[in-house]
Each structure stands twice: as structure tokens, then as C-alpha cells.
Amino acid sequence: MKSYLNLQNRSGQPWAEAAALLERVGVIFGTRLRNWLGTLLMRWSASSEPEIWSVQDAKGVLHWKAYDPRTGTSVDYTSVEELLIWLESRSGL
């Protein structure tokens, strides 16, 4: 099977830029698919406790995501403090 990440031009030199682009697309697609599947599985869970996870975006920024199965609410914060405020606010539900 031919590897598409091993692209070469007519002179036999690797196309590093094209290969890097393909790798980035694969990473982004893979990350989005994992996030989507994770969210889907969490929504099917019977737990009433909030689900919390972190995701790093393409720029390296860490996002804190959470899902509350009691309300169906999903949130996305870039700081732990914001996430903690959200958690405390839902405790009154």
C-alpha cells in the first residue's frame, strides 16, 4: 500500500509541506471524531454526575469541557476557574 505521507516531486525530493498538511488534517479529523464519540457515549450514560474532560486545540490552547446529563447542557471554558464557577452554579439544581 502506498503511503500518501511520502509524496515526492519529479526530482525525488519529499514534499514536506504537503505531508505536514496531510498529517495535520488527520490529527484534526481524528481529534474531532474522538470528541464526538466521547460526547455521544457520555450522553448515553446513566450517570447524573457531570462529565468533565480537557481538549487541546490546534493552537495549543487547553479547553475544559463539561456535560451535565441532568439538563443536557454542554460547556467549553479555557480556564479552570470558569469551569468551577459553572460546577458550583449547577449544585443548586
C-alpha atoms as a PDB file:
ATOM      1  CA  MET A   1       0.000   0.000   0.000  1.00  0.00           C
ATOM      2  CA  LYS A   2       1.362   3.414  -0.955  1.00  0.00           C
ATOM      3  CA  SER A   3       1.831   5.929   1.846  1.00  0.00           C
ATOM      4  CA  TYR A   4       0.400   9.321   0.911  1.00  0.00           C
ATOM      5  CA  LEU A   5       2.618  10.989   3.511  1.00  0.00           C
ATOM      6  CA  ASN A   6       5.659  10.020   1.462  1.00  0.00           C
ATOM      7  CA  LEU A   7       4.896  12.284  -1.505  1.00  0.00           C
ATOM      8  CA  GLN A   8       7.758  13.143  -3.864  1.00  0.00           C
ATOM      9  CA  ASN A   9       8.110  15.504  -6.779  1.00  0.00           C
ATOM     10  CA  ARG A  10       9.725  14.584 -10.119  1.00  0.00           C
ATOM     11  CA  SER A  11      13.229  15.171  -8.795  1.00  0.00           C
ATOM     12  CA  GLY A  12      12.625  12.696  -5.959  1.00  0.00           C
ATOM     13  CA  GLN A  13      12.558  15.292  -3.170  1.00  0.00           C
ATOM     14  CA  PRO A  14       9.895  14.879  -0.492  1.00  0.00           C
ATOM     15  CA  TRP A  15       7.057  17.334  -0.394  1.00  0.00           C
ATOM     16  CA  ALA A  16       7.397  18.121   3.267  1.00  0.00           C
ATOM     17  CA  GLU A  17       4.731  20.834   3.242  1.00  0.00           C
ATOM     18  CA  ALA A  18       2.124  18.566   1.649  1.00  0.00           C
ATOM     19  CA  ALA A  19       2.957  15.728   4.009  1.00  0.00           C
ATOM     20  CA  ALA A  20       2.747  18.030   7.036  1.00  0.00           C
ATOM     21  CA  LEU A  21      -0.630  19.338   5.853  1.00  0.00           C
ATOM     22  CA  LEU A  22      -1.981  15.816   5.458  1.00  0.00           C
ATOM     23  CA  GLU A  23      -0.750  14.911   8.935  1.00  0.00           C
ATOM     24  CA  ARG A  24      -2.452  17.995  10.444  1.00  0.00           C
ATOM     25  CA  VAL A  25      -5.720  17.166   8.686  1.00  0.00           C
ATOM     26  CA  GLY A  26      -5.512  13.609  10.012  1.00  0.00           C
ATOM     27  CA  VAL A  27      -4.844  14.817  13.559  1.00  0.00           C
ATOM     28  CA  ILE A  28      -7.679  17.352  13.465  1.00  0.00           C
ATOM     29  CA  PHE A  29     -10.117  14.830  11.979  1.00  0.00           C
ATOM     30  CA  GLY A  30      -9.082  12.163  14.481  1.00  0.00           C
ATOM     31  CA  THR A  31      -9.436  14.552  17.419  1.00  0.00           C
ATOM     32  CA  ARG A  32     -12.863  15.723  16.304  1.00  0.00           C
ATOM     33  CA  LEU A  33     -14.027  12.142  15.794  1.00  0.00           C
ATOM     34  CA  ARG A  34     -12.819  11.134  19.275  1.00  0.00           C
ATOM     35  CA  ASN A  35     -14.508  14.191  20.811  1.00  0.00           C
ATOM     36  CA  TRP A  36     -17.759  13.441  19.011  1.00  0.00           C
ATOM     37  CA  LEU A  37     -17.725   9.774  20.026  1.00  0.00           C
ATOM     38  CA  GLY A  38     -16.868  10.689  23.616  1.00  0.00           C
ATOM     39  CA  THR A  39     -19.766  13.133  23.786  1.00  0.00           C
ATOM     40  CA  LEU A  40     -22.118  10.567  22.280  1.00  0.00           C
ATOM     41  CA  LEU A  41     -21.088   7.919  24.815  1.00  0.00           C
ATOM     42  CA  MET A  42     -21.457  10.349  27.707  1.00  0.00           C
ATOM     43  CA  ARG A  43     -24.979  11.263  26.654  1.00  0.00           C
ATOM     44  CA  TRP A  44     -25.921   7.586  26.675  1.00  0.00           C
ATOM     45  CA  SER A  45     -24.525   7.036  30.170  1.00  0.00           C
ATOM     46  CA  ALA A  46     -26.984   6.654  33.027  1.00  0.00           C
ATOM     47  CA  SER A  47     -24.989   8.823  35.449  1.00  0.00           C
ATOM     48  CA  SER A  48     -26.439  12.124  36.635  1.00  0.00           C
ATOM     49  CA  GLU A  49     -22.987  13.452  37.553  1.00  0.00           C
ATOM     50  CA  PRO A  50     -21.360  15.957  35.197  1.00  0.00           C
ATOM     51  CA  GLU A  51     -18.742  14.623  32.816  1.00  0.00           C
ATOM     52  CA  ILE A  52     -15.573  16.750  32.567  1.00  0.00           C
ATOM     53  CA  TRP A  53     -12.670  16.445  30.153  1.00  0.00           C
ATOM     54  CA  SER A  54      -9.992  18.590  28.585  1.00  0.00           C
ATOM     55  CA  VAL A  55      -9.089  19.064  24.932  1.00  0.00           C
ATOM     56  CA  GLN A  56      -6.152  20.880  23.387  1.00  0.00           C
ATOM     57  CA  ASP A  57      -6.989  22.775  20.204  1.00  0.00           C
ATOM     58  CA  ALA A  58      -4.772  23.176  17.145  1.00  0.00           C
ATOM     59  CA  LYS A  59      -3.196  26.326  18.622  1.00  0.00           C
ATOM     60  CA  GLY A  60      -2.279  24.506  21.833  1.00  0.00           C
ATOM     61  CA  VAL A  61      -4.945  26.150  23.983  1.00  0.00           C
ATOM     62  CA  LEU A  62      -6.390  23.853  26.653  1.00  0.00           C
ATOM     63  CA  HIS A  63     -10.204  23.795  26.774  1.00  0.00           C
ATOM     64  CA  TRP A  64     -12.176  22.395  29.700  1.00  0.00           C
ATOM     65  CA  LYS A  65     -15.401  20.827  28.511  1.00  0.00           C
ATOM     66  CA  ALA A  66     -18.262  19.507  30.567  1.00  0.00           C
ATOM     67  CA  TYR A  67     -21.648  17.920  30.040  1.00  0.00           C
ATOM     68  CA  ASP A  68     -24.485  17.854  32.561  1.00  0.00           C
ATOM     69  CA  PRO A  69     -26.756  14.863  31.787  1.00  0.00           C
ATOM     70  CA  ARG A  70     -29.499  16.200  34.081  1.00  0.00           C
ATOM     71  CA  THR A  71     -30.011  19.334  31.989  1.00  0.00           C
ATOM     72  CA  GLY A  72     -28.366  18.371  28.680  1.00  0.00           C
ATOM     73  CA  THR A  73     -26.089  21.406  28.993  1.00  0.00           C
ATOM     74  CA  SER A  74     -22.601  21.373  27.464  1.00  0.00           C
ATOM     75  CA  VAL A  75     -19.964  23.994  28.262  1.00  0.00           C
ATOM     76  CA  ASP A  76     -16.498  24.863  26.970  1.00  0.00           C
ATOM     77  CA  TYR A  77     -14.132  27.029  29.032  1.00  0.00           C
ATOM     78  CA  THR A  78     -10.475  27.947  28.687  1.00  0.00           C
ATOM     79  CA  SER A  79      -9.951  28.363  32.419  1.00  0.00           C
ATOM     80  CA  VAL A  80     -10.436  26.002  35.328  1.00  0.00           C
ATOM     81  CA  GLU A  81     -11.880  28.864  37.368  1.00  0.00           C
ATOM     82  CA  GLU A  82     -14.747  29.326  34.895  1.00  0.00           C
ATOM     83  CA  LEU A  83     -15.427  25.595  34.986  1.00  0.00           C
ATOM     84  CA  LEU A  84     -15.506  25.596  38.790  1.00  0.00           C
ATOM     85  CA  ILE A  85     -17.967  28.511  38.787  1.00  0.00           C
ATOM     86  CA  TRP A  86     -20.217  26.547  36.417  1.00  0.00           C
ATOM     87  CA  LEU A  87     -19.991  23.452  38.629  1.00  0.00           C
ATOM     88  CA  GLU A  88     -20.890  25.451  41.725  1.00  0.00           C
ATOM     89  CA  SER A  89     -23.808  27.151  39.971  1.00  0.00           C
ATOM     90  CA  ARG A  90     -25.342  23.819  38.973  1.00  0.00           C
ATOM     91  CA  SER A  91     -25.212  22.476  42.518  1.00  0.00           C
ATOM     92  CA  GLY A  92     -28.443  24.334  43.261  1.00  0.00           C
ATOM     93  CA  LEU A  93     -30.357  22.323  40.676  1.00  0.00           C
END
